[in-house]
C-alpha atoms as a PDB file:
ATOM      1  CA  MET A   1       4.775 -12.322 -25.920  1.00  0.00           C
ATOM      2  CA  TRP A   2       2.142 -11.469 -23.315  1.00  0.00           C
ATOM      3  CA  GLN A   3      -0.383 -13.569 -25.221  1.00  0.00           C
ATOM      4  CA  LYS A   4       1.863 -16.629 -24.888  1.00  0.00           C
ATOM      5  CA  ILE A   5       2.328 -15.991 -21.168  1.00  0.00           C
ATOM      6  CA  THR A   6      -1.407 -15.708 -20.590  1.00  0.00           C
ATOM      7  CA  ASP A   7      -2.104 -18.826 -22.681  1.00  0.00           C
ATOM      8  CA  LEU A   8       0.450 -20.916 -20.773  1.00  0.00           C
ATOM      9  CA  PRO A   9      -1.834 -22.026 -17.875  1.00  0.00           C
ATOM     10  CA  LEU A  10      -4.593 -22.985 -20.323  1.00  0.00           C
ATOM     11  CA  MET A  11      -2.194 -24.991 -22.490  1.00  0.00           C
ATOM     12  CA  ALA A  12      -0.755 -26.704 -19.407  1.00  0.00           C
ATOM     13  CA  TYR A  13      -4.266 -27.637 -18.259  1.00  0.00           C
ATOM     14  CA  ILE A  14      -5.168 -29.031 -21.692  1.00  0.00           C
ATOM     15  CA  ALA A  15      -1.926 -31.027 -21.850  1.00  0.00           C
ATOM     16  CA  LEU A  16      -2.421 -32.445 -18.357  1.00  0.00           C
ATOM     17  CA  THR A  17      -6.048 -33.462 -18.917  1.00  0.00           C
ATOM     18  CA  GLY A  18      -5.132 -35.036 -22.242  1.00  0.00           C
ATOM     19  CA  PHE A  19      -2.325 -36.982 -20.593  1.00  0.00           C
ATOM     20  CA  ILE A  20      -4.651 -38.246 -17.856  1.00  0.00           C
ATOM     21  CA  LYS A  21      -7.326 -39.302 -20.351  1.00  0.00           C
ATOM     22  CA  ASN A  22      -4.811 -41.126 -22.554  1.00  0.00           C
ATOM     23  CA  PHE A  23      -3.016 -42.732 -19.603  1.00  0.00           C
ATOM     24  CA  GLY A  24      -6.004 -44.950 -18.843  1.00  0.00           C
ATOM     25  CA  LYS A  25      -6.360 -46.030 -22.473  1.00  0.00           C
ATOM     26  CA  ASP A  26      -2.688 -46.531 -23.336  1.00  0.00           C
ATOM     27  CA  GLU A  27      -1.551 -50.114 -22.722  1.00  0.00           C
ATOM     28  CA  ARG A  28       1.821 -50.121 -24.439  1.00  0.00           C
ATOM     29  CA  GLY A  29       4.017 -50.222 -21.358  1.00  0.00           C
ATOM     30  CA  LEU A  30       1.581 -51.957 -19.060  1.00  0.00           C
ATOM     31  CA  SER A  31       2.692 -55.510 -19.779  1.00  0.00           C
ATOM     32  CA  GLY A  32       6.298 -54.718 -18.888  1.00  0.00           C
ATOM     33  CA  VAL A  33       5.259 -53.240 -15.566  1.00  0.00           C
ATOM     34  CA  VAL A  34       3.069 -56.249 -14.774  1.00  0.00           C
ATOM     35  CA  VAL A  35       5.891 -58.659 -15.593  1.00  0.00           C
ATOM     36  CA  ALA A  36       8.339 -56.727 -13.418  1.00  0.00           C
ATOM     37  CA  VAL A  37       5.935 -56.657 -10.464  1.00  0.00           C
ATOM     38  CA  LEU A  38       5.224 -60.375 -10.794  1.00  0.00           C
ATOM     39  CA  LEU A  39       8.943 -61.211 -10.952  1.00  0.00           C
ATOM     40  CA  ILE A  40       9.612 -59.175  -7.824  1.00  0.00           C
ATOM     41  CA  LEU A  41       6.703 -60.879  -6.060  1.00  0.00           C
ATOM     42  CA  VAL A  42       7.936 -64.355  -6.987  1.00  0.00           C
ATOM     43  CA  ALA A  43      11.477 -63.509  -5.881  1.00  0.00           C
ATOM     44  CA  VAL A  44      10.285 -62.192  -2.506  1.00  0.00           C
ATOM     45  CA  LEU A  45       8.083 -65.234  -1.924  1.00  0.00           C
ATOM     46  CA  ALA A  46      10.957 -67.564  -2.822  1.00  0.00           C
ATOM     47  CA  VAL A  47      13.299 -65.817  -0.391  1.00  0.00           C
ATOM     48  CA  VAL A  48      10.697 -65.989   2.375  1.00  0.00           C
ATOM     49  CA  ALA A  49      10.074 -69.696   1.737  1.00  0.00           C
ATOM     50  CA  ILE A  50      13.797 -70.482   1.754  1.00  0.00           C
ATOM     51  CA  TRP A  51      14.264 -68.375   4.896  1.00  0.00           C
ATOM     52  CA  VAL A  52      11.507 -70.259   6.741  1.00  0.00           C
ATOM     53  CA  PHE A  53      12.669 -73.730   5.744  1.00  0.00           C
ATOM     54  CA  LEU A  54      16.354 -72.972   6.211  1.00  0.00           C
ATOM     55  CA  GLY A  55      15.665 -71.304   9.554  1.00  0.00           C
ATOM     56  CA  ASP A  56      13.829 -74.377  10.855  1.00  0.00           C
ATOM     57  CA  TRP A  57      16.607 -76.654   9.647  1.00  0.00           C
ATOM     58  CA  LEU A  58      19.315 -74.488  11.231  1.00  0.00           C
ATOM     59  CA  ALA A  59      17.363 -74.316  14.511  1.00  0.00           C
ATOM     60  CA  GLY A  60      17.128 -78.111  14.588  1.00  0.00           C
ATOM     61  CA  LEU A  61      20.794 -78.450  13.737  1.00  0.00           C
ATOM     62  CA  TRP A  62      21.746 -75.994  16.491  1.00  0.00           C
ATOM     63  CA  GLU A  63      19.634 -77.930  19.002  1.00  0.00           C
ATOM     64  CA  ARG A  64      21.486 -81.121  18.071  1.00  0.00           C
ATOM     65  CA  ILE A  65      24.864 -79.411  18.354  1.00  0.00           C
ATOM     66  CA  THR A  66      24.183 -77.866  21.745  1.00  0.00           C
ATOM     67  CA  ALA A  67      22.636 -81.079  23.098  1.00  0.00           C
ATOM     68  CA  ALA A  68      25.661 -83.083  21.926  1.00  0.00           C
ATOM     69  CA  ASP A  69      28.015 -80.575  23.541  1.00  0.00           C
ATOM     70  CA  SER A  70      26.693 -81.268  27.027  1.00  0.00           C
ATOM     71  CA  GLY A  71      27.200 -85.032  26.573  1.00  0.00           C
ATOM     72  CA  ILE A  72      30.898 -84.806  25.664  1.00  0.00           C
ATOM     73  CA  ALA A  73      33.247 -85.149  28.614  1.00  0.00           C
END
């Protein structure tokens, strides 16, 4: 029992270093992560583009509405 307790830190170190070494070489899940990041990036850029164009259009529309309001008697 004591032997297992004393070997535990060494086994944890070996497992962690093995995981780190294999993490750089393993490419199984990498493509899914890249696709997810790219989809999020495209969605954010689309929202920003729509926000800018829609904001300019709404600002112009509001200017027309408020300018027309002062001309109505």
